[in-house]
Amino acid sequence: MVEVIDRWAVQGLLDSQEAQLVDVSPRAAYAWAHLPQAAHLPLEEIRDTAAERLNPARPVIVYGQDWLCDRSARAARLLERLGFHDVFDYAAGRMDWLSADLPYAGDAVLVSRIVRHDPVITSAGDAVSGVEPRVGADPAGVAVVVGGQDVVLGLIGERELKGASPDARAEEIMRIDIPTVRPSEEVAALSARMDREGLDEVVVTMTDGRLVGIVPAAAVRTPGDPPGDGPDEDPYL
């Protein structure tokens, strides 16, 4: 039977069982971004070419765009019908992988390539007296406030520190309603957003809110760069 798996299982199967990883998306989506070890076998070609391109004695992992995409589910069942016994469906697909700040291949220029992974980090209960000198010494001039499992709670900058009591806790002065972005965002699109909203920095998180890093405005603002729209693909394909 086909088993639906997550990204951790994908990594485990690739490492321990030499699984075959197959991207079943249209060509444009594969060219935009794909998992580093992935071969390209579009859904519509599986019936005619899977037998010659894949080894039925080894596990096969198929994936498409994201949870809304049914290509991987359909591909997995087709492979099962063709006699492949160990078939796994990475249903969350490409966007799950990219949003987790994992390596990728392809033409896309994503936030994961420019994110700064070493911002000033402080816990919610830390005193302002310990945060202020670290913020002042950092080029970005901000500290990211995190809670359990490094989930982002807020941001502290010069505005929040001004007039704050040295004994106040970080969580008492932090900004909570801050913009965040996933590592899977295109740099050009983020640049346009930061220009439009006048943002000096954006915090980068995973979909579960865990901190990845920050992107200062200087890292994305290249004159003349048009915003990108990602792969030219119907999200339901």
Protein backbone atom coordinates (compact mmCIF):
# COMPACT_ATOMS: atom_id res chain seq x y z
CA MET A 1 0.00 0.00 0.00
CA VAL A 2 1.05 3.60 -0.59
CA GLU A 3 2.19 5.37 2.57
CA VAL A 4 1.90 9.14 3.02
CA ILE A 5 5.06 10.49 4.68
CA ASP A 6 6.50 13.78 5.95
CA ARG A 7 9.82 15.48 5.24
CA TRP A 8 11.62 13.71 8.10
CA ALA A 9 10.63 10.36 6.69
CA VAL A 10 11.80 11.48 3.24
CA GLN A 11 15.24 12.24 4.62
CA GLY A 12 15.33 8.94 6.49
CA LEU A 13 14.38 6.87 3.43
CA LEU A 14 16.93 8.64 1.26
CA ASP A 15 19.68 8.04 3.81
CA SER A 16 18.88 4.52 4.99
CA GLN A 17 17.20 2.76 2.08
CA GLU A 18 18.55 4.59 -0.97
CA ALA A 19 15.03 5.49 -1.99
CA GLN A 20 14.36 6.95 -5.43
CA LEU A 21 12.99 10.50 -5.16
CA VAL A 22 10.73 11.58 -8.00
CA ASP A 23 9.21 14.98 -8.74
CA VAL A 24 5.98 14.45 -10.71
CA SER A 25 5.26 18.15 -11.36
CA PRO A 26 5.08 19.91 -14.73
CA ARG A 27 8.46 20.87 -16.21
CA ALA A 28 8.21 24.56 -15.29
CA ALA A 29 7.65 23.79 -11.61
CA TYR A 30 10.55 21.32 -11.53
CA ALA A 31 12.85 23.88 -13.18
CA TRP A 32 11.78 26.54 -10.67
CA ALA A 33 12.75 24.48 -7.62
CA HIS A 34 13.09 20.82 -6.70
CA LEU A 35 14.58 18.67 -3.98
CA PRO A 36 18.31 18.18 -4.64
CA GLN A 37 18.20 14.43 -5.31
CA ALA A 38 14.94 14.41 -7.24
CA ALA A 39 14.60 12.99 -10.72
CA HIS A 40 11.89 14.48 -12.91
CA LEU A 41 9.14 12.17 -14.11
CA PRO A 42 5.96 14.13 -14.88
CA LEU A 43 2.71 12.44 -13.94
CA GLU A 44 1.63 12.09 -17.56
CA GLU A 45 4.80 10.14 -18.43
CA ILE A 46 4.76 7.62 -15.59
CA ARG A 47 2.73 4.93 -17.33
CA ASP A 48 5.05 4.86 -20.35
CA THR A 49 8.48 5.47 -18.83
CA ALA A 50 8.51 4.44 -15.14
CA ALA A 51 9.59 0.86 -15.89
CA GLU A 52 12.72 1.98 -17.72
CA ARG A 53 13.60 4.93 -15.48
CA LEU A 54 12.93 3.52 -12.01
CA ASN A 55 14.06 0.39 -10.18
CA PRO A 56 11.05 -1.53 -8.80
CA ALA A 57 13.30 -3.23 -6.23
CA ARG A 58 14.02 0.08 -4.49
CA PRO A 59 11.58 2.33 -2.59
CA VAL A 60 10.13 5.24 -4.55
CA ILE A 61 9.12 8.61 -3.06
CA VAL A 62 6.93 10.86 -5.20
CA TYR A 63 6.03 14.49 -4.55
CA GLY A 64 4.35 17.44 -6.22
CA GLN A 65 3.66 21.06 -5.30
CA ASP A 66 1.90 21.01 -1.91
CA TRP A 67 -1.05 19.58 0.05
CA LEU A 68 -3.51 21.04 -2.47
CA CYS A 69 -1.80 19.23 -5.32
CA ASP A 70 -3.02 15.70 -6.07
CA ARG A 71 -0.28 14.75 -8.54
CA SER A 72 1.78 12.79 -6.04
CA ALA A 73 -1.23 10.79 -4.86
CA ARG A 74 -2.16 9.89 -8.41
CA ALA A 75 1.44 9.08 -9.33
CA ALA A 76 1.84 6.82 -6.32
CA ARG A 77 -1.22 4.76 -7.28
CA LEU A 78 -0.07 4.51 -10.87
CA LEU A 79 3.31 3.18 -9.73
CA GLU A 80 1.53 0.70 -7.49
CA ARG A 81 -0.47 -0.53 -10.48
CA LEU A 82 2.76 -0.88 -12.43
CA GLY A 83 4.21 -3.28 -9.87
CA PHE A 84 6.18 -0.95 -7.58
CA HIS A 85 5.67 -2.25 -4.05
CA ASP A 86 7.40 0.30 -1.80
CA VAL A 87 5.81 3.58 -2.85
CA PHE A 88 5.71 6.65 -0.60
CA ASP A 89 3.76 9.85 -1.14
CA TYR A 90 5.39 13.02 0.21
CA ALA A 91 2.04 14.77 -0.01
CA ALA A 92 3.15 18.10 1.49
CA GLY A 93 5.56 18.37 -1.42
CA ARG A 94 7.95 21.00 -2.67
CA MET A 95 6.56 23.96 -0.72
CA ASP A 96 6.78 22.09 2.58
CA TRP A 97 10.43 21.30 1.88
CA LEU A 98 11.28 24.85 0.85
CA SER A 99 9.42 26.42 3.78
CA ALA A 100 11.56 24.33 6.15
CA ASP A 101 14.75 26.08 4.94
CA LEU A 102 16.11 22.89 3.38
CA PRO A 103 18.47 22.80 0.38
CA TYR A 104 17.00 22.87 -3.11
CA ALA A 105 18.05 22.97 -6.76
CA GLY A 106 16.56 25.02 -9.57
CA ASP A 107 16.24 28.55 -10.91
CA ALA A 108 14.31 30.10 -8.01
CA VAL A 109 16.03 32.75 -5.88
CA LEU A 110 14.39 32.25 -2.52
CA VAL A 111 14.67 33.86 0.90
CA SER A 112 16.49 30.77 2.16
CA ARG A 113 19.52 31.89 0.12
CA ILE A 114 19.81 35.32 1.74
CA VAL A 115 18.43 34.84 5.27
CA ARG A 116 20.73 35.81 8.10
CA HIS A 117 20.72 32.88 10.53
CA ASP A 118 22.48 34.66 13.41
CA PRO A 119 20.19 37.50 14.56
CA VAL A 120 20.18 38.69 18.16
CA ILE A 121 17.87 36.32 20.03
CA THR A 122 16.43 36.84 23.48
CA SER A 123 13.99 34.96 25.68
CA ALA A 124 10.70 36.50 26.72
CA GLY A 125 11.76 36.74 30.36
CA ASP A 126 15.15 38.38 29.76
CA ALA A 127 15.72 41.82 31.26
CA VAL A 128 15.96 44.84 28.98
CA SER A 129 19.33 45.68 30.58
CA GLY A 130 20.80 42.58 28.97
CA VAL A 131 19.09 43.01 25.61
CA GLU A 132 19.84 46.68 24.91
CA PRO A 133 23.64 46.46 24.47
CA ARG A 134 23.31 43.44 22.17
CA VAL A 135 20.80 45.26 19.98
CA GLY A 136 23.04 48.33 19.84
CA ALA A 137 26.03 46.26 18.73
CA ASP A 138 24.19 44.36 16.00
CA PRO A 139 23.99 45.72 12.41
CA ALA A 140 20.26 44.98 12.19
CA GLY A 141 19.53 46.87 15.41
CA VAL A 142 16.84 44.41 16.52
CA ALA A 143 16.43 41.38 18.76
CA VAL A 144 14.02 38.54 18.05
CA VAL A 145 12.10 37.41 21.12
CA VAL A 146 11.47 33.65 21.18
CA GLY A 147 9.53 31.28 23.39
CA GLY A 148 9.57 27.51 23.70
CA GLN A 149 11.05 25.59 20.76
CA ASP A 150 12.32 28.91 19.36
CA VAL A 151 8.85 30.04 18.28
CA VAL A 152 8.89 33.76 17.52
CA LEU A 153 6.96 35.93 19.95
CA GLY A 154 7.99 39.43 18.92
CA LEU A 155 10.70 41.91 18.02
CA ILE A 156 12.61 44.54 19.97
CA GLY A 157 14.29 47.51 18.31
CA GLU A 158 15.34 51.04 19.13
CA ARG A 159 11.74 52.22 19.35
CA GLU A 160 10.85 49.61 21.97
CA LEU A 161 14.03 50.19 23.98
CA LYS A 162 13.63 53.96 24.14
CA GLY A 163 12.50 54.88 27.63
CA ALA A 164 12.12 51.25 28.72
CA SER A 165 13.05 50.36 32.28
CA PRO A 166 16.24 48.27 32.50
CA ASP A 167 14.36 45.88 34.75
CA ALA A 168 11.48 45.35 32.31
CA ARG A 169 11.22 41.97 30.63
CA ALA A 170 11.57 41.55 26.90
CA GLU A 171 7.99 40.34 26.56
CA GLU A 172 6.71 43.53 28.17
CA ILE A 173 8.13 45.85 25.51
CA MET A 174 8.31 43.70 22.36
CA ARG A 175 6.29 44.30 19.21
CA ILE A 176 4.01 41.33 18.63
CA ASP A 177 2.32 42.14 15.33
CA ILE A 178 5.42 41.82 13.16
CA PRO A 179 5.57 40.66 9.54
CA THR A 180 7.09 37.25 8.97
CA VAL A 181 7.93 35.33 5.83
CA ARG A 182 8.79 31.72 4.95
CA PRO A 183 12.15 30.66 3.48
CA SER A 184 10.18 29.62 0.37
CA GLU A 185 9.28 33.22 -0.55
CA GLU A 186 10.91 34.59 -3.69
CA VAL A 187 13.46 37.32 -2.93
CA ALA A 188 12.06 39.65 -5.61
CA ALA A 189 8.56 39.38 -4.18
CA LEU A 190 9.83 40.03 -0.67
CA SER A 191 11.77 43.05 -1.90
CA ALA A 192 8.62 44.53 -3.43
CA ARG A 193 6.69 43.91 -0.21
CA MET A 194 9.36 45.52 1.97
CA ASP A 195 9.48 48.57 -0.29
CA ARG A 196 5.70 48.84 -0.33
CA GLU A 197 5.35 48.54 3.46
CA GLY A 198 8.52 50.42 4.38
CA LEU A 199 10.00 47.50 6.30
CA ASP A 200 13.58 47.65 7.58
CA GLU A 201 13.71 43.92 8.25
CA VAL A 202 11.52 40.84 8.09
CA VAL A 203 11.68 37.87 10.43
CA VAL A 204 11.87 34.51 8.68
CA THR A 205 10.01 31.60 10.26
CA MET A 206 8.87 28.11 9.42
CA THR A 207 5.18 27.31 9.19
CA ASP A 208 5.15 26.31 12.87
CA GLY A 209 6.48 29.72 13.91
CA ARG A 210 10.02 28.60 14.67
CA LEU A 211 12.72 31.15 13.97
CA VAL A 212 14.90 30.73 10.89
CA GLY A 213 16.52 34.19 10.90
CA ILE A 214 16.01 37.71 9.58
CA VAL A 215 16.33 39.49 6.25
CA PRO A 216 17.48 43.13 6.46
CA ALA A 217 16.14 45.46 3.78
CA ALA A 218 19.62 45.91 2.30
CA ALA A 219 19.76 42.20 1.45
CA VAL A 220 16.76 42.31 -0.90
CA ARG A 221 16.60 45.77 -2.43
CA THR A 222 18.15 45.60 -5.88
CA PRO A 223 16.88 48.37 -8.20
CA GLY A 224 14.96 47.12 -11.20
CA ASP A 225 14.16 43.67 -9.87
CA PRO A 226 10.51 42.81 -10.65
CA PRO A 227 8.55 40.77 -8.13
CA GLY A 228 8.48 37.04 -8.85
CA ASP A 229 5.39 34.90 -8.97
CA GLY A 230 6.89 31.47 -8.38
CA PRO A 231 6.28 28.52 -10.68
CA ASP A 232 3.84 28.95 -13.55
CA GLU A 233 1.66 26.12 -12.32
CA ASP A 234 -1.96 25.65 -11.40
CA PRO A 235 -1.75 24.96 -7.62
CA TYR A 236 -4.33 22.20 -7.92
CA LEU A 237 -2.39 20.22 -10.52
